[in-house]
Amino acid sequence: MKSLLTVVAACVLGSLILAGCAKTTSSEGANASASGPISDADNSGLKPTAAPAVVMGDPKHGAVIFKQNCTTCHGAAGAGGGIGPVLKGEKQRKNYAAAIVWIENPQPPMPKLYPSPLSLSDVQDVAAYVESL
């Protein structure tokens, strides 16, 4: 009988502890749902963070790089004339981030120019230029 009472007491105590941990006052519950996810001051991973901003390249410098590396296939100002597609209006097909990914890892017959001879900054500049066409 003593062991049965011990088991029951342990269950009751465990239930009270669990209920106490989950219990909030009505103002805490209202604030939690209104304020969104839990956050903490030392940013230990509980606080949602925004995605890193995409660094826009310099389209003027991108035009210079484009002229040196891309016009043979894509034509002057991306208007066509070689084996590459016309790039005018590329912004309607690919956003800036997708243009960077494509330039970094192109499909044949486009040559892979990143990371050499083009740097990441050069790729961003060319992507900004192409998006401006």
Protein backbone atom coordinates (compact mmCIF):
# COMPACT_ATOMS: atom_id res chain seq x y z
CA MET A 1 0.00 0.00 0.00
CA LYS A 2 2.87 2.32 0.79
CA SER A 3 4.38 1.87 -2.69
CA LEU A 4 1.01 2.56 -4.33
CA LEU A 5 0.71 5.81 -2.40
CA THR A 6 4.26 6.72 -3.39
CA VAL A 7 3.49 6.12 -7.08
CA VAL A 8 0.25 8.13 -6.90
CA ALA A 9 1.99 10.97 -5.08
CA ALA A 10 4.78 11.02 -7.66
CA CYS A 11 2.23 11.12 -10.50
CA VAL A 12 0.28 13.94 -8.88
CA LEU A 13 3.46 15.90 -8.21
CA GLY A 14 4.68 15.35 -11.79
CA SER A 15 1.31 16.48 -13.17
CA LEU A 16 1.38 19.64 -11.07
CA ILE A 17 4.90 20.47 -12.21
CA LEU A 18 4.01 19.97 -15.87
CA ALA A 19 0.80 21.95 -15.50
CA GLY A 20 2.68 24.79 -13.81
CA CYS A 21 5.24 24.97 -16.62
CA ALA A 22 2.57 25.22 -19.30
CA LYS A 23 0.32 27.61 -17.42
CA THR A 24 0.33 31.29 -18.39
CA THR A 25 -1.72 34.15 -17.15
CA SER A 26 -4.23 35.64 -19.56
CA SER A 27 -2.03 38.71 -20.12
CA GLU A 28 1.04 36.55 -20.82
CA GLY A 29 -0.93 34.45 -23.30
CA ALA A 30 -2.28 37.53 -25.06
CA ASN A 31 1.17 39.10 -25.29
CA ALA A 32 2.78 35.91 -26.53
CA SER A 33 0.34 35.52 -29.39
CA ALA A 34 0.37 39.20 -30.29
CA SER A 35 4.14 39.63 -30.21
CA GLY A 36 5.00 36.59 -32.30
CA PRO A 37 7.87 34.19 -31.72
CA ILE A 38 9.80 34.07 -28.47
CA SER A 39 12.97 36.12 -28.47
CA ASP A 40 15.83 36.68 -26.07
CA ALA A 41 18.27 39.48 -25.48
CA ASP A 42 21.48 37.55 -26.22
CA ASN A 43 20.27 36.28 -29.62
CA SER A 44 20.79 32.61 -28.80
CA GLY A 45 18.72 31.44 -31.73
CA LEU A 46 15.22 31.98 -30.44
CA LYS A 47 14.83 35.37 -32.09
CA PRO A 48 13.90 35.27 -35.78
CA THR A 49 16.42 37.01 -37.97
CA ALA A 50 15.93 38.59 -41.37
CA ALA A 51 17.59 37.09 -44.43
CA PRO A 52 20.87 38.77 -45.32
CA ALA A 53 20.45 41.59 -47.77
CA VAL A 54 21.60 40.99 -51.32
CA VAL A 55 24.41 43.37 -52.24
CA MET A 56 23.55 45.18 -55.47
CA GLY A 57 26.40 45.45 -57.90
CA ASP A 58 27.51 48.47 -59.88
CA PRO A 59 25.85 48.34 -63.33
CA LYS A 60 28.36 50.83 -64.81
CA HIS A 61 31.29 48.58 -63.93
CA GLY A 62 29.20 45.59 -65.00
CA ALA A 63 28.82 47.14 -68.46
CA VAL A 64 32.60 47.33 -68.82
CA ILE A 65 33.03 43.69 -67.75
CA PHE A 66 30.15 42.65 -70.02
CA LYS A 67 31.77 44.35 -73.00
CA GLN A 68 35.08 42.57 -72.30
CA ASN A 69 33.65 39.09 -71.66
CA CYS A 70 30.09 38.69 -72.90
CA THR A 71 29.41 40.65 -76.10
CA THR A 72 30.90 37.97 -78.37
CA CYS A 73 28.01 35.64 -77.51
CA HIS A 74 25.28 38.00 -76.29
CA GLY A 75 25.89 40.97 -78.60
CA ALA A 76 26.41 44.61 -77.71
CA ALA A 77 24.21 45.61 -74.77
CA GLY A 78 22.82 42.05 -74.68
CA ALA A 79 20.87 42.57 -77.91
CA GLY A 80 21.92 39.22 -79.36
CA GLY A 81 24.07 38.38 -82.33
CA GLY A 82 26.13 35.45 -81.13
CA ILE A 83 25.41 31.97 -79.83
CA GLY A 84 24.09 33.30 -76.52
CA PRO A 85 20.52 34.41 -75.93
CA VAL A 86 19.31 38.01 -76.04
CA LEU A 87 19.56 39.47 -72.55
CA LYS A 88 17.32 42.51 -72.99
CA GLY A 89 14.42 42.09 -70.59
CA GLU A 90 16.27 39.41 -68.61
CA LYS A 91 14.88 41.04 -65.48
CA GLN A 92 11.47 39.64 -66.48
CA ARG A 93 12.91 36.09 -66.53
CA LYS A 94 15.43 36.15 -63.67
CA ASN A 95 15.71 38.37 -60.64
CA TYR A 96 19.06 39.78 -59.52
CA ALA A 97 19.89 36.87 -57.19
CA ALA A 98 19.04 34.29 -59.88
CA ALA A 99 21.23 36.18 -62.38
CA ILE A 100 24.16 35.96 -59.96
CA VAL A 101 23.64 32.22 -59.51
CA TRP A 102 23.48 31.74 -63.29
CA ILE A 103 26.67 33.73 -63.93
CA GLU A 104 28.50 31.83 -61.19
CA ASN A 105 27.34 28.41 -62.44
CA PRO A 106 26.26 28.67 -66.08
CA GLN A 107 25.08 25.88 -68.31
CA PRO A 108 27.06 25.15 -71.49
CA PRO A 109 27.83 26.63 -73.91
CA MET A 110 28.28 29.63 -71.58
CA PRO A 111 31.81 29.56 -70.14
CA LYS A 112 32.35 29.50 -66.38
CA LEU A 113 34.16 32.75 -65.59
CA TYR A 114 33.71 32.72 -61.80
CA PRO A 115 35.79 32.63 -59.61
CA SER A 116 38.43 33.35 -62.20
CA PRO A 117 38.76 35.65 -64.08
CA LEU A 118 35.65 37.24 -62.50
CA SER A 119 35.44 37.92 -58.76
CA LEU A 120 32.19 37.85 -56.79
CA SER A 121 32.07 41.64 -57.01
CA ASP A 122 32.47 41.43 -60.81
CA VAL A 123 29.66 38.86 -61.01
CA GLN A 124 27.38 41.13 -58.96
CA ASP A 125 28.25 44.06 -61.23
CA VAL A 126 27.51 42.08 -64.41
CA ALA A 127 24.23 40.83 -62.89
CA ALA A 128 23.25 44.42 -62.03
CA TYR A 129 24.06 45.49 -65.61
CA VAL A 130 22.11 42.61 -67.16
CA GLU A 131 19.13 43.42 -64.92
CA SER A 132 19.26 47.01 -66.21
CA LEU A 133 18.97 46.00 -69.89
